[in-house]
N, C-alpha and C. Protein backbone atom coordinates (compact mmCIF):
# COMPACT_ATOMS: atom_id res chain seq x y z
N MET A 1 102.78 -9.29 19.86
CA MET A 1 101.90 -9.60 20.92
C MET A 1 101.15 -10.87 20.56
N ARG A 2 100.98 -11.65 21.57
CA ARG A 2 100.36 -12.94 21.36
C ARG A 2 98.91 -12.90 21.83
N CYS A 3 97.94 -13.43 21.02
CA CYS A 3 96.51 -13.42 21.34
C CYS A 3 96.11 -14.77 21.93
N VAL A 4 95.46 -14.74 23.09
CA VAL A 4 95.04 -15.97 23.76
C VAL A 4 93.52 -16.08 23.63
N ASN A 5 93.05 -17.21 23.17
CA ASN A 5 91.61 -17.44 23.00
C ASN A 5 91.10 -18.24 24.19
N ARG A 6 90.25 -17.63 24.99
CA ARG A 6 89.73 -18.31 26.18
C ARG A 6 88.29 -18.74 25.93
N SER A 7 87.98 -19.94 26.37
CA SER A 7 86.61 -20.43 26.20
C SER A 7 85.97 -20.80 27.55
N ALA A 8 86.52 -20.35 28.60
CA ALA A 8 85.99 -20.66 29.93
C ALA A 8 84.79 -19.76 30.23
N ALA A 9 83.82 -20.26 31.06
CA ALA A 9 82.63 -19.51 31.44
C ALA A 9 82.95 -18.57 32.59
N THR A 10 82.27 -17.46 32.59
CA THR A 10 82.45 -16.51 33.67
C THR A 10 81.54 -16.90 34.83
N LEU A 11 81.75 -16.29 35.96
CA LEU A 11 80.93 -16.58 37.14
C LEU A 11 79.47 -16.20 36.90
N VAL A 12 79.22 -15.10 36.21
CA VAL A 12 77.85 -14.65 35.92
C VAL A 12 77.13 -15.69 35.06
N GLU A 13 77.81 -16.16 34.03
CA GLU A 13 77.20 -17.18 33.15
C GLU A 13 76.90 -18.46 33.93
N LEU A 14 77.75 -18.85 34.79
CA LEU A 14 77.56 -20.05 35.60
C LEU A 14 76.36 -19.90 36.53
N VAL A 15 76.19 -18.72 37.15
CA VAL A 15 75.05 -18.46 38.02
C VAL A 15 73.75 -18.49 37.22
N ILE A 16 73.72 -17.92 36.02
CA ILE A 16 72.52 -17.92 35.18
C ILE A 16 72.13 -19.36 34.82
N VAL A 17 73.09 -20.15 34.46
CA VAL A 17 72.81 -21.56 34.12
C VAL A 17 72.24 -22.29 35.33
N LEU A 18 72.78 -22.06 36.50
CA LEU A 18 72.28 -22.72 37.71
C LEU A 18 70.85 -22.28 38.04
N VAL A 19 70.55 -20.99 37.90
CA VAL A 19 69.20 -20.49 38.19
C VAL A 19 68.18 -21.07 37.22
N VAL A 20 68.49 -21.08 35.94
CA VAL A 20 67.58 -21.64 34.93
C VAL A 20 67.37 -23.13 35.17
N SER A 21 68.43 -23.85 35.48
CA SER A 21 68.32 -25.28 35.78
C SER A 21 67.44 -25.54 37.00
N ALA A 22 67.58 -24.71 38.03
CA ALA A 22 66.77 -24.87 39.25
C ALA A 22 65.29 -24.62 38.95
N ILE A 23 65.00 -23.60 38.14
CA ILE A 23 63.61 -23.31 37.78
C ILE A 23 63.01 -24.48 37.01
N LEU A 24 63.74 -25.00 36.06
CA LEU A 24 63.24 -26.16 35.30
C LEU A 24 63.08 -27.39 36.20
N PHE A 25 64.02 -27.59 37.10
CA PHE A 25 63.97 -28.74 38.00
C PHE A 25 62.74 -28.66 38.92
N ILE A 26 62.36 -27.46 39.34
CA ILE A 26 61.22 -27.29 40.24
C ILE A 26 59.89 -27.36 39.48
N THR A 27 59.80 -26.75 38.31
CA THR A 27 58.50 -26.66 37.61
C THR A 27 58.15 -27.89 36.78
N THR A 28 59.11 -28.62 36.31
CA THR A 28 58.82 -29.76 35.44
C THR A 28 57.92 -30.79 36.12
N PRO A 29 58.20 -31.25 37.34
CA PRO A 29 57.29 -32.23 37.97
C PRO A 29 55.87 -31.68 38.18
N ILE A 30 55.77 -30.39 38.49
CA ILE A 30 54.45 -29.78 38.69
C ILE A 30 53.67 -29.80 37.39
N LEU A 31 54.31 -29.42 36.29
CA LEU A 31 53.64 -29.43 34.99
C LEU A 31 53.25 -30.85 34.57
N ILE A 32 54.12 -31.81 34.80
CA ILE A 32 53.80 -33.20 34.45
C ILE A 32 52.64 -33.70 35.30
N PHE A 33 52.65 -33.42 36.60
CA PHE A 33 51.56 -33.85 37.48
C PHE A 33 50.24 -33.23 37.05
N HIS A 34 50.26 -31.93 36.73
CA HIS A 34 49.04 -31.25 36.28
C HIS A 34 48.55 -31.84 34.96
N GLY A 35 49.45 -32.15 34.06
CA GLY A 35 49.07 -32.75 32.78
C GLY A 35 48.42 -34.11 32.95
N VAL A 36 48.99 -34.95 33.83
CA VAL A 36 48.43 -36.27 34.09
C VAL A 36 47.06 -36.14 34.74
N LYS A 37 46.93 -35.21 35.69
CA LYS A 37 45.65 -35.00 36.36
C LYS A 37 44.58 -34.54 35.36
N THR A 38 44.97 -33.69 34.42
CA THR A 38 44.04 -33.24 33.39
C THR A 38 43.62 -34.38 32.48
N LEU A 39 44.54 -35.25 32.15
CA LEU A 39 44.20 -36.41 31.31
C LEU A 39 43.22 -37.34 32.02
N VAL A 40 43.34 -37.46 33.33
CA VAL A 40 42.40 -38.29 34.10
C VAL A 40 41.07 -37.55 34.24
N PHE A 41 41.12 -36.25 34.45
CA PHE A 41 39.92 -35.45 34.68
C PHE A 41 39.07 -35.26 33.43
N LEU A 42 39.70 -35.07 32.28
CA LEU A 42 38.98 -34.72 31.07
C LEU A 42 37.87 -35.71 30.69
N PRO A 43 38.11 -37.02 30.66
CA PRO A 43 37.01 -37.93 30.32
C PRO A 43 35.85 -37.85 31.32
N LYS A 44 36.17 -37.65 32.59
CA LYS A 44 35.11 -37.53 33.60
C LYS A 44 34.34 -36.24 33.41
N ALA A 45 35.04 -35.16 33.08
CA ALA A 45 34.36 -33.88 32.85
C ALA A 45 33.44 -33.97 31.65
N LEU A 46 33.88 -34.65 30.60
CA LEU A 46 33.03 -34.82 29.41
C LEU A 46 31.80 -35.67 29.74
N ALA A 47 31.98 -36.74 30.53
CA ALA A 47 30.85 -37.59 30.91
C ALA A 47 29.85 -36.82 31.77
N VAL A 48 30.35 -36.00 32.69
CA VAL A 48 29.47 -35.20 33.54
C VAL A 48 28.69 -34.19 32.71
N ASN A 49 29.38 -33.50 31.81
CA ASN A 49 28.70 -32.52 30.96
C ASN A 49 27.67 -33.18 30.06
N ASP A 50 28.00 -34.32 29.48
CA ASP A 50 27.07 -35.04 28.61
C ASP A 50 25.84 -35.49 29.39
N THR A 51 26.07 -36.02 30.59
CA THR A 51 24.96 -36.49 31.42
C THR A 51 24.06 -35.34 31.84
N ALA A 52 24.65 -34.26 32.34
CA ALA A 52 23.86 -33.11 32.79
C ALA A 52 23.03 -32.53 31.65
N THR A 53 23.63 -32.39 30.49
CA THR A 53 22.93 -31.84 29.33
C THR A 53 21.78 -32.76 28.91
N GLU A 54 22.05 -34.05 28.85
CA GLU A 54 21.03 -35.00 28.40
C GLU A 54 19.88 -35.13 29.40
N VAL A 55 20.19 -35.16 30.69
CA VAL A 55 19.13 -35.24 31.70
C VAL A 55 18.23 -34.02 31.61
N LEU A 56 18.83 -32.84 31.55
CA LEU A 56 18.02 -31.63 31.45
C LEU A 56 17.18 -31.62 30.18
N HIS A 57 17.76 -32.02 29.06
CA HIS A 57 17.02 -32.06 27.80
C HIS A 57 15.86 -33.05 27.87
N GLN A 58 16.10 -34.23 28.43
CA GLN A 58 15.05 -35.25 28.51
C GLN A 58 13.91 -34.79 29.42
N ILE A 59 14.24 -34.08 30.51
CA ILE A 59 13.19 -33.59 31.41
C ILE A 59 12.37 -32.50 30.73
N VAL A 60 13.04 -31.53 30.14
CA VAL A 60 12.34 -30.37 29.58
C VAL A 60 11.72 -30.67 28.22
N GLU A 61 12.49 -31.19 27.30
CA GLU A 61 12.02 -31.40 25.93
C GLU A 61 11.55 -32.81 25.64
N GLY A 62 12.09 -33.78 26.39
CA GLY A 62 11.79 -35.18 26.09
C GLY A 62 12.77 -35.70 25.05
N GLY A 63 12.47 -36.89 24.54
CA GLY A 63 13.36 -37.45 23.52
C GLY A 63 13.27 -38.95 23.47
N PHE A 64 14.32 -39.56 22.93
CA PHE A 64 14.39 -41.00 22.72
C PHE A 64 14.15 -41.76 24.02
N SER A 65 13.47 -42.89 23.90
CA SER A 65 13.18 -43.71 25.07
C SER A 65 13.53 -45.16 24.80
N THR A 66 14.05 -45.84 25.82
CA THR A 66 14.34 -47.27 25.72
C THR A 66 13.21 -48.11 26.31
N LEU A 67 12.13 -47.47 26.75
CA LEU A 67 11.02 -48.20 27.36
C LEU A 67 10.28 -49.01 26.30
N PRO A 68 9.77 -50.19 26.67
CA PRO A 68 9.03 -51.00 25.71
C PRO A 68 7.82 -50.25 25.15
N GLY A 69 7.68 -50.28 23.84
CA GLY A 69 6.54 -49.63 23.20
C GLY A 69 6.67 -48.14 23.02
N GLN A 70 7.78 -47.55 23.46
CA GLN A 70 7.99 -46.09 23.36
C GLN A 70 9.20 -45.82 22.48
N THR A 71 9.05 -44.96 21.51
CA THR A 71 10.22 -44.52 20.74
C THR A 71 10.69 -43.16 21.21
N GLY A 72 9.76 -42.37 21.71
CA GLY A 72 10.09 -41.06 22.24
C GLY A 72 9.04 -40.63 23.26
N VAL A 73 9.46 -39.86 24.23
CA VAL A 73 8.55 -39.39 25.28
C VAL A 73 8.66 -37.87 25.34
N PRO A 74 7.52 -37.15 25.25
CA PRO A 74 7.57 -35.69 25.35
C PRO A 74 8.00 -35.24 26.75
N GLY A 75 8.67 -34.10 26.81
CA GLY A 75 9.12 -33.56 28.08
C GLY A 75 8.06 -32.72 28.77
N VAL A 76 8.44 -32.16 29.92
CA VAL A 76 7.53 -31.37 30.74
C VAL A 76 6.98 -30.17 29.96
N ARG A 77 7.75 -29.63 29.04
CA ARG A 77 7.30 -28.48 28.25
C ARG A 77 6.01 -28.80 27.49
N PHE A 78 5.78 -30.08 27.21
CA PHE A 78 4.60 -30.49 26.44
C PHE A 78 3.48 -31.03 27.33
N ALA A 79 3.58 -30.79 28.64
CA ALA A 79 2.51 -31.22 29.56
C ALA A 79 1.23 -30.49 29.20
N ARG A 80 0.12 -31.22 29.29
CA ARG A 80 -1.16 -30.60 28.92
C ARG A 80 -2.27 -31.03 29.86
N ARG A 81 -3.18 -30.13 30.07
CA ARG A 81 -4.33 -30.40 30.92
C ARG A 81 -5.39 -31.13 30.08
N ILE A 82 -5.99 -32.15 30.69
CA ILE A 82 -7.08 -32.87 30.05
C ILE A 82 -8.28 -32.80 31.00
N GLY A 83 -9.35 -32.22 30.53
CA GLY A 83 -10.54 -32.07 31.38
C GLY A 83 -10.24 -31.20 32.58
N THR A 84 -10.53 -31.70 33.77
CA THR A 84 -10.29 -30.91 34.99
C THR A 84 -8.95 -31.26 35.65
N GLU A 85 -8.31 -32.30 35.17
CA GLU A 85 -7.02 -32.67 35.77
C GLU A 85 -5.93 -31.74 35.26
N PRO A 86 -5.09 -31.20 36.16
CA PRO A 86 -4.03 -30.29 35.72
C PRO A 86 -2.95 -31.03 34.91
N ALA A 87 -2.16 -30.25 34.19
CA ALA A 87 -1.09 -30.82 33.37
C ALA A 87 -0.07 -31.55 34.24
N ILE A 88 0.25 -30.98 35.41
CA ILE A 88 1.16 -31.63 36.36
C ILE A 88 0.32 -32.16 37.50
N TRP A 89 0.22 -33.49 37.61
CA TRP A 89 -0.65 -34.10 38.60
C TRP A 89 0.11 -34.63 39.81
N ASP A 90 1.43 -34.69 39.75
CA ASP A 90 2.24 -35.13 40.89
C ASP A 90 3.39 -34.14 41.03
N SER A 91 3.40 -33.35 42.11
CA SER A 91 4.40 -32.29 42.26
C SER A 91 5.11 -32.43 43.60
N GLN A 92 6.14 -33.28 43.61
CA GLN A 92 6.97 -33.46 44.80
C GLN A 92 8.36 -32.89 44.51
N THR A 93 9.17 -32.76 45.56
CA THR A 93 10.47 -32.12 45.38
C THR A 93 11.45 -32.96 44.55
N THR A 94 11.33 -34.28 44.59
CA THR A 94 12.22 -35.14 43.81
C THR A 94 11.45 -35.97 42.79
N ARG A 95 10.20 -35.60 42.55
CA ARG A 95 9.35 -36.39 41.66
C ARG A 95 8.36 -35.47 40.95
N LEU A 96 8.17 -35.71 39.66
CA LEU A 96 7.28 -34.90 38.85
C LEU A 96 6.43 -35.82 37.96
N GLY A 97 5.12 -35.67 38.04
CA GLY A 97 4.21 -36.44 37.19
C GLY A 97 3.43 -35.50 36.30
N TYR A 98 3.40 -35.76 35.00
CA TYR A 98 2.69 -34.90 34.07
C TYR A 98 2.01 -35.73 32.98
N ARG A 99 1.01 -35.11 32.35
CA ARG A 99 0.26 -35.77 31.29
C ARG A 99 0.71 -35.18 29.95
N THR A 100 0.91 -36.06 28.96
CA THR A 100 1.32 -35.60 27.64
C THR A 100 0.23 -35.76 26.59
N SER A 101 -0.77 -36.60 26.88
CA SER A 101 -1.89 -36.82 25.96
C SER A 101 -3.07 -37.33 26.78
N PRO A 102 -4.23 -37.50 26.17
CA PRO A 102 -5.37 -38.02 26.93
C PRO A 102 -5.13 -39.40 27.54
N THR A 103 -4.16 -40.16 27.01
CA THR A 103 -3.94 -41.52 27.52
C THR A 103 -2.54 -41.74 28.08
N GLN A 104 -1.65 -40.75 28.05
CA GLN A 104 -0.27 -40.98 28.49
C GLN A 104 0.09 -40.13 29.70
N CYS A 105 0.62 -40.79 30.74
CA CYS A 105 1.10 -40.12 31.95
C CYS A 105 2.58 -40.46 32.14
N VAL A 106 3.38 -39.47 32.52
CA VAL A 106 4.82 -39.65 32.66
C VAL A 106 5.23 -39.25 34.08
N VAL A 107 6.15 -40.03 34.66
CA VAL A 107 6.71 -39.71 35.97
C VAL A 107 8.23 -39.65 35.83
N ILE A 108 8.82 -38.55 36.32
CA ILE A 108 10.28 -38.42 36.39
C ILE A 108 10.63 -38.24 37.85
N GLU A 109 11.60 -39.04 38.32
CA GLU A 109 11.99 -38.96 39.74
C GLU A 109 13.47 -39.24 39.91
N LEU A 110 13.99 -38.73 41.01
CA LEU A 110 15.38 -38.95 41.38
C LEU A 110 15.43 -40.08 42.41
N VAL A 111 16.12 -41.16 42.04
CA VAL A 111 16.20 -42.33 42.91
C VAL A 111 17.66 -42.77 43.00
N GLY A 112 18.25 -42.65 44.17
CA GLY A 112 19.61 -43.15 44.40
C GLY A 112 20.66 -42.60 43.45
N GLY A 113 20.61 -41.32 43.14
CA GLY A 113 21.64 -40.71 42.29
C GLY A 113 21.37 -40.86 40.80
N VAL A 114 20.21 -41.39 40.43
CA VAL A 114 19.86 -41.57 39.02
C VAL A 114 18.48 -40.98 38.77
N VAL A 115 18.33 -40.24 37.67
CA VAL A 115 17.02 -39.74 37.28
C VAL A 115 16.35 -40.83 36.46
N LYS A 116 15.15 -41.21 36.88
CA LYS A 116 14.41 -42.29 36.23
C LYS A 116 13.12 -41.75 35.64
N ARG A 117 12.68 -42.39 34.55
CA ARG A 117 11.44 -41.99 33.89
C ARG A 117 10.58 -43.23 33.66
N ARG A 118 9.30 -43.10 33.98
CA ARG A 118 8.31 -44.16 33.71
C ARG A 118 7.15 -43.56 32.92
N VAL A 119 6.59 -44.35 32.05
CA VAL A 119 5.47 -43.90 31.22
C VAL A 119 4.33 -44.89 31.39
N GLY A 120 3.14 -44.35 31.64
CA GLY A 120 1.95 -45.19 31.77
C GLY A 120 0.92 -44.82 30.73
N GLU A 121 0.29 -45.83 30.18
CA GLU A 121 -0.78 -45.63 29.20
C GLU A 121 -2.11 -45.95 29.88
N LEU A 122 -3.06 -45.02 29.82
CA LEU A 122 -4.38 -45.22 30.42
C LEU A 122 -5.27 -46.00 29.45
N ALA A 123 -6.10 -46.87 30.01
CA ALA A 123 -7.01 -47.66 29.18
C ALA A 123 -8.12 -46.80 28.60
N VAL A 124 -8.59 -45.82 29.38
CA VAL A 124 -9.66 -44.93 28.93
C VAL A 124 -9.12 -43.51 28.86
N ALA A 125 -9.26 -42.88 27.71
CA ALA A 125 -8.78 -41.51 27.52
C ALA A 125 -9.46 -40.57 28.50
N GLY A 126 -8.67 -39.73 29.14
CA GLY A 126 -9.20 -38.74 30.06
C GLY A 126 -9.29 -39.20 31.50
N ASP A 127 -9.04 -40.50 31.78
CA ASP A 127 -9.01 -40.96 33.18
C ASP A 127 -7.91 -40.23 33.93
N PRO A 128 -8.06 -40.07 35.25
CA PRO A 128 -6.99 -39.41 36.03
C PRO A 128 -5.69 -40.22 35.97
N CYS A 129 -4.59 -39.52 35.93
CA CYS A 129 -3.29 -40.18 35.91
C CYS A 129 -3.02 -40.82 37.27
N VAL A 130 -2.37 -41.95 37.22
CA VAL A 130 -1.91 -42.65 38.42
C VAL A 130 -0.45 -42.99 38.22
N ASP A 131 0.22 -43.35 39.32
CA ASP A 131 1.63 -43.70 39.24
C ASP A 131 1.80 -44.92 38.34
N PRO A 132 2.53 -44.80 37.23
CA PRO A 132 2.70 -45.95 36.34
C PRO A 132 3.45 -47.08 37.02
N VAL A 133 3.00 -48.29 36.81
CA VAL A 133 3.68 -49.46 37.37
C VAL A 133 4.60 -50.10 36.34
N THR A 134 4.83 -49.41 35.26
CA THR A 134 5.71 -49.92 34.20
C THR A 134 7.17 -49.82 34.63
N PRO A 135 8.06 -50.51 33.92
CA PRO A 135 9.49 -50.40 34.24
C PRO A 135 10.00 -48.98 34.05
N ALA A 136 11.06 -48.65 34.74
CA ALA A 136 11.66 -47.31 34.65
C ALA A 136 12.92 -47.39 33.80
N GLU A 137 13.22 -46.28 33.14
CA GLU A 137 14.47 -46.17 32.39
C GLU A 137 15.33 -45.09 33.04
N ASP A 138 16.65 -45.29 32.99
CA ASP A 138 17.58 -44.31 33.51
C ASP A 138 17.81 -43.21 32.48
N LEU A 139 17.91 -41.98 32.95
CA LEU A 139 18.22 -40.86 32.07
C LEU A 139 19.60 -40.33 32.42
N PRO A 140 20.49 -40.22 31.47
CA PRO A 140 20.45 -40.79 30.14
C PRO A 140 20.84 -42.26 30.19
N TYR A 141 20.36 -43.04 29.28
CA TYR A 141 20.55 -44.49 29.31
C TYR A 141 21.99 -44.89 29.02
N HIS A 142 22.78 -44.08 28.30
CA HIS A 142 24.10 -44.51 27.83
C HIS A 142 25.24 -44.29 28.81
N VAL A 143 25.03 -43.60 29.91
CA VAL A 143 26.11 -43.43 30.90
C VAL A 143 25.64 -43.82 32.30
N ALA A 144 24.72 -44.75 32.37
CA ALA A 144 24.17 -45.13 33.67
C ALA A 144 25.28 -45.63 34.60
N GLY A 145 25.31 -45.10 35.82
CA GLY A 145 26.24 -45.58 36.83
C GLY A 145 27.53 -44.80 36.96
N SER A 146 28.01 -44.17 35.90
CA SER A 146 29.30 -43.48 36.00
C SER A 146 29.17 -42.06 36.57
N VAL A 147 28.00 -41.46 36.45
CA VAL A 147 27.77 -40.10 36.94
C VAL A 147 26.57 -40.12 37.87
N GLN A 148 26.71 -39.48 39.02
CA GLN A 148 25.62 -39.41 39.99
C GLN A 148 24.93 -38.06 39.89
N ILE A 149 23.61 -38.08 40.04
CA ILE A 149 22.81 -36.85 40.05
C ILE A 149 22.33 -36.63 41.48
N THR A 150 22.57 -35.44 41.99
CA THR A 150 22.09 -35.09 43.32
C THR A 150 21.39 -33.75 43.26
N ALA A 151 20.49 -33.54 44.19
CA ALA A 151 19.80 -32.26 44.31
C ALA A 151 20.20 -31.65 45.64
N THR A 152 20.89 -30.52 45.61
CA THR A 152 21.33 -29.89 46.85
C THR A 152 20.14 -29.30 47.59
N GLY A 153 19.17 -28.83 46.85
CA GLY A 153 17.90 -28.37 47.44
C GLY A 153 16.81 -29.27 46.90
N ASP A 154 15.84 -28.66 46.24
CA ASP A 154 14.77 -29.42 45.59
C ASP A 154 15.13 -29.62 44.13
N LEU A 155 14.93 -30.84 43.64
CA LEU A 155 15.14 -31.10 42.22
C LEU A 155 14.12 -30.30 41.41
N PHE A 156 12.87 -30.30 41.89
CA PHE A 156 11.80 -29.57 41.23
C PHE A 156 11.20 -28.54 42.18
N THR A 157 11.04 -27.31 41.72
CA THR A 157 10.36 -26.26 42.48
C THR A 157 9.19 -25.80 41.62
N TYR A 158 8.00 -25.74 42.23
CA TYR A 158 6.78 -25.45 41.48
C TYR A 158 6.26 -24.06 41.82
N TYR A 159 5.71 -23.38 40.82
CA TYR A 159 5.15 -22.06 41.02
C TYR A 159 3.65 -22.07 40.72
N ASN A 160 2.88 -21.48 41.64
CA ASN A 160 1.42 -21.43 41.59
C ASN A 160 0.82 -22.83 41.72
N PRO A 161 1.27 -23.62 42.72
CA PRO A 161 0.77 -24.99 42.83
C PRO A 161 -0.71 -25.10 43.15
N GLY A 162 -1.28 -24.12 43.83
CA GLY A 162 -2.70 -24.20 44.18
C GLY A 162 -3.63 -23.94 43.02
N GLY A 163 -3.21 -23.11 42.07
CA GLY A 163 -4.10 -22.74 40.97
C GLY A 163 -3.62 -23.24 39.62
N GLY A 164 -2.97 -24.36 39.58
CA GLY A 164 -2.43 -24.88 38.32
C GLY A 164 -0.99 -24.42 38.15
N ILE A 165 -0.06 -25.34 38.20
CA ILE A 165 1.37 -25.01 38.15
C ILE A 165 1.70 -24.39 36.80
N ARG A 166 2.30 -23.22 36.84
CA ARG A 166 2.62 -22.49 35.61
C ARG A 166 4.10 -22.57 35.24
N ARG A 167 4.96 -22.89 36.21
CA ARG A 167 6.38 -22.97 35.94
C ARG A 167 7.02 -23.97 36.89
N VAL A 168 8.02 -24.69 36.36
CA VAL A 168 8.79 -25.63 37.17
C VAL A 168 10.27 -25.29 37.01
N ASP A 169 10.93 -25.06 38.14
CA ASP A 169 12.39 -24.88 38.13
C ASP A 169 13.04 -26.23 38.39
N ILE A 170 14.12 -26.49 37.67
CA ILE A 170 14.85 -27.75 37.80
C ILE A 170 16.28 -27.41 38.18
N ALA A 171 16.78 -28.02 39.25
CA ALA A 171 18.15 -27.76 39.70
C ALA A 171 18.76 -29.05 40.22
N PHE A 172 19.95 -29.39 39.71
CA PHE A 172 20.63 -30.59 40.18
C PHE A 172 22.12 -30.46 39.95
N THR A 173 22.87 -31.38 40.53
CA THR A 173 24.31 -31.45 40.36
C THR A 173 24.65 -32.81 39.78
N ALA A 174 25.46 -32.81 38.74
CA ALA A 174 25.97 -34.05 38.16
C ALA A 174 27.45 -34.13 38.52
N GLN A 175 27.89 -35.28 39.03
CA GLN A 175 29.29 -35.39 39.42
C GLN A 175 29.77 -36.83 39.41
N THR A 176 31.08 -36.97 39.29
CA THR A 176 31.72 -38.27 39.47
C THR A 176 32.43 -38.22 40.81
N GLY A 177 32.38 -39.30 41.55
CA GLY A 177 33.04 -39.36 42.85
C GLY A 177 32.68 -38.20 43.74
N SER A 178 33.71 -37.54 44.28
CA SER A 178 33.49 -36.39 45.16
C SER A 178 33.21 -35.11 44.39
N GLY A 179 33.49 -35.10 43.10
CA GLY A 179 33.31 -33.90 42.29
C GLY A 179 34.46 -32.92 42.42
N ASN A 180 35.50 -33.26 43.17
CA ASN A 180 36.63 -32.36 43.44
C ASN A 180 37.71 -32.55 42.38
N PHE A 181 38.07 -31.47 41.68
CA PHE A 181 39.09 -31.53 40.62
C PHE A 181 40.43 -32.01 41.15
N ASP A 182 40.78 -31.60 42.37
CA ASP A 182 42.07 -32.01 42.93
C ASP A 182 42.17 -33.51 43.13
N GLU A 183 41.03 -34.18 43.17
CA GLU A 183 41.01 -35.65 43.29
C GLU A 183 40.75 -36.30 41.94
N GLY A 184 40.80 -35.52 40.85
CA GLY A 184 40.59 -36.05 39.51
C GLY A 184 39.14 -36.31 39.18
N GLU A 185 38.23 -35.68 39.90
CA GLU A 185 36.79 -35.88 39.69
C GLU A 185 36.19 -34.62 39.05
N ALA A 186 34.95 -34.76 38.55
CA ALA A 186 34.30 -33.65 37.85
C ALA A 186 32.93 -33.38 38.45
N ARG A 187 32.47 -32.13 38.29
CA ARG A 187 31.18 -31.72 38.85
C ARG A 187 30.60 -30.59 38.00
N GLU A 188 29.27 -30.62 37.82
CA GLU A 188 28.59 -29.55 37.10
C GLU A 188 27.24 -29.28 37.76
N ASP A 189 26.99 -28.02 38.09
CA ASP A 189 25.70 -27.61 38.65
C ASP A 189 24.81 -27.10 37.52
N VAL A 190 23.58 -27.58 37.51
CA VAL A 190 22.65 -27.26 36.41
C VAL A 190 21.37 -26.67 37.00
N ALA A 191 20.87 -25.62 36.37
CA ALA A 191 19.60 -25.03 36.77
C ALA A 191 18.89 -24.52 35.53
N SER A 192 17.59 -24.77 35.47
CA SER A 192 16.80 -24.31 34.34
C SER A 192 15.35 -24.16 34.79
N SER A 193 14.53 -23.69 33.89
CA SER A 193 13.13 -23.48 34.19
C SER A 193 12.32 -23.80 32.96
N VAL A 194 11.11 -24.31 33.17
CA VAL A 194 10.23 -24.62 32.04
C VAL A 194 8.83 -24.08 32.36
N ALA A 195 8.25 -23.42 31.38
CA ALA A 195 6.89 -22.88 31.55
C ALA A 195 5.87 -23.92 31.10
N ILE A 196 4.80 -24.01 31.84
CA ILE A 196 3.71 -24.91 31.49
C ILE A 196 2.66 -24.07 30.76
N ARG A 197 2.46 -24.33 29.49
CA ARG A 197 1.59 -23.48 28.68
C ARG A 197 0.12 -23.62 29.07
N VAL A 198 -0.32 -24.84 29.38
CA VAL A 198 -1.72 -25.05 29.76
C VAL A 198 -1.73 -25.73 31.11
N PRO A 199 -1.68 -24.96 32.21
CA PRO A 199 -1.55 -25.55 33.53
C PRO A 199 -2.80 -26.32 33.91
């Protein structure tokens, strides 16, 4: 009897190869597109996260300042009452004014998608705070322009405003472009609260 060695594929094997090839053909472009979109999105997401974290930290805790004559500015957590003037002397929805010492007044406000900070020094200790006419710095200074800050409601919400503000809620959105991931943009919603120890 003679033995014949066949190396031809069966119909089942051929169908399996075709199905696997079709799956790879369909999913490969989707995976490549998603990978490219992630590579575009990732730097924007990092910039948004860095900006949101730094803005919140600068408002609440304070920190490094690029303003002339200032190396650091205390945040809202360090607001203090001097004499009869309350610790927070300007309480608007997109603007917050507070005193950090007998001679220093700070204003933080949202202007055109950027959080700005100004610091004023009073000539006489204990004088009432007024809107500083000094230059403003962008918060944070190192990513100015690439990330926009918006407030969907109020940037600042105040509690017990008639009898000395005891707490300030801070809520904002940091985003690039539309903030939509499908368009390669990034967005982060931020909310926090700070207690005023001496209202």
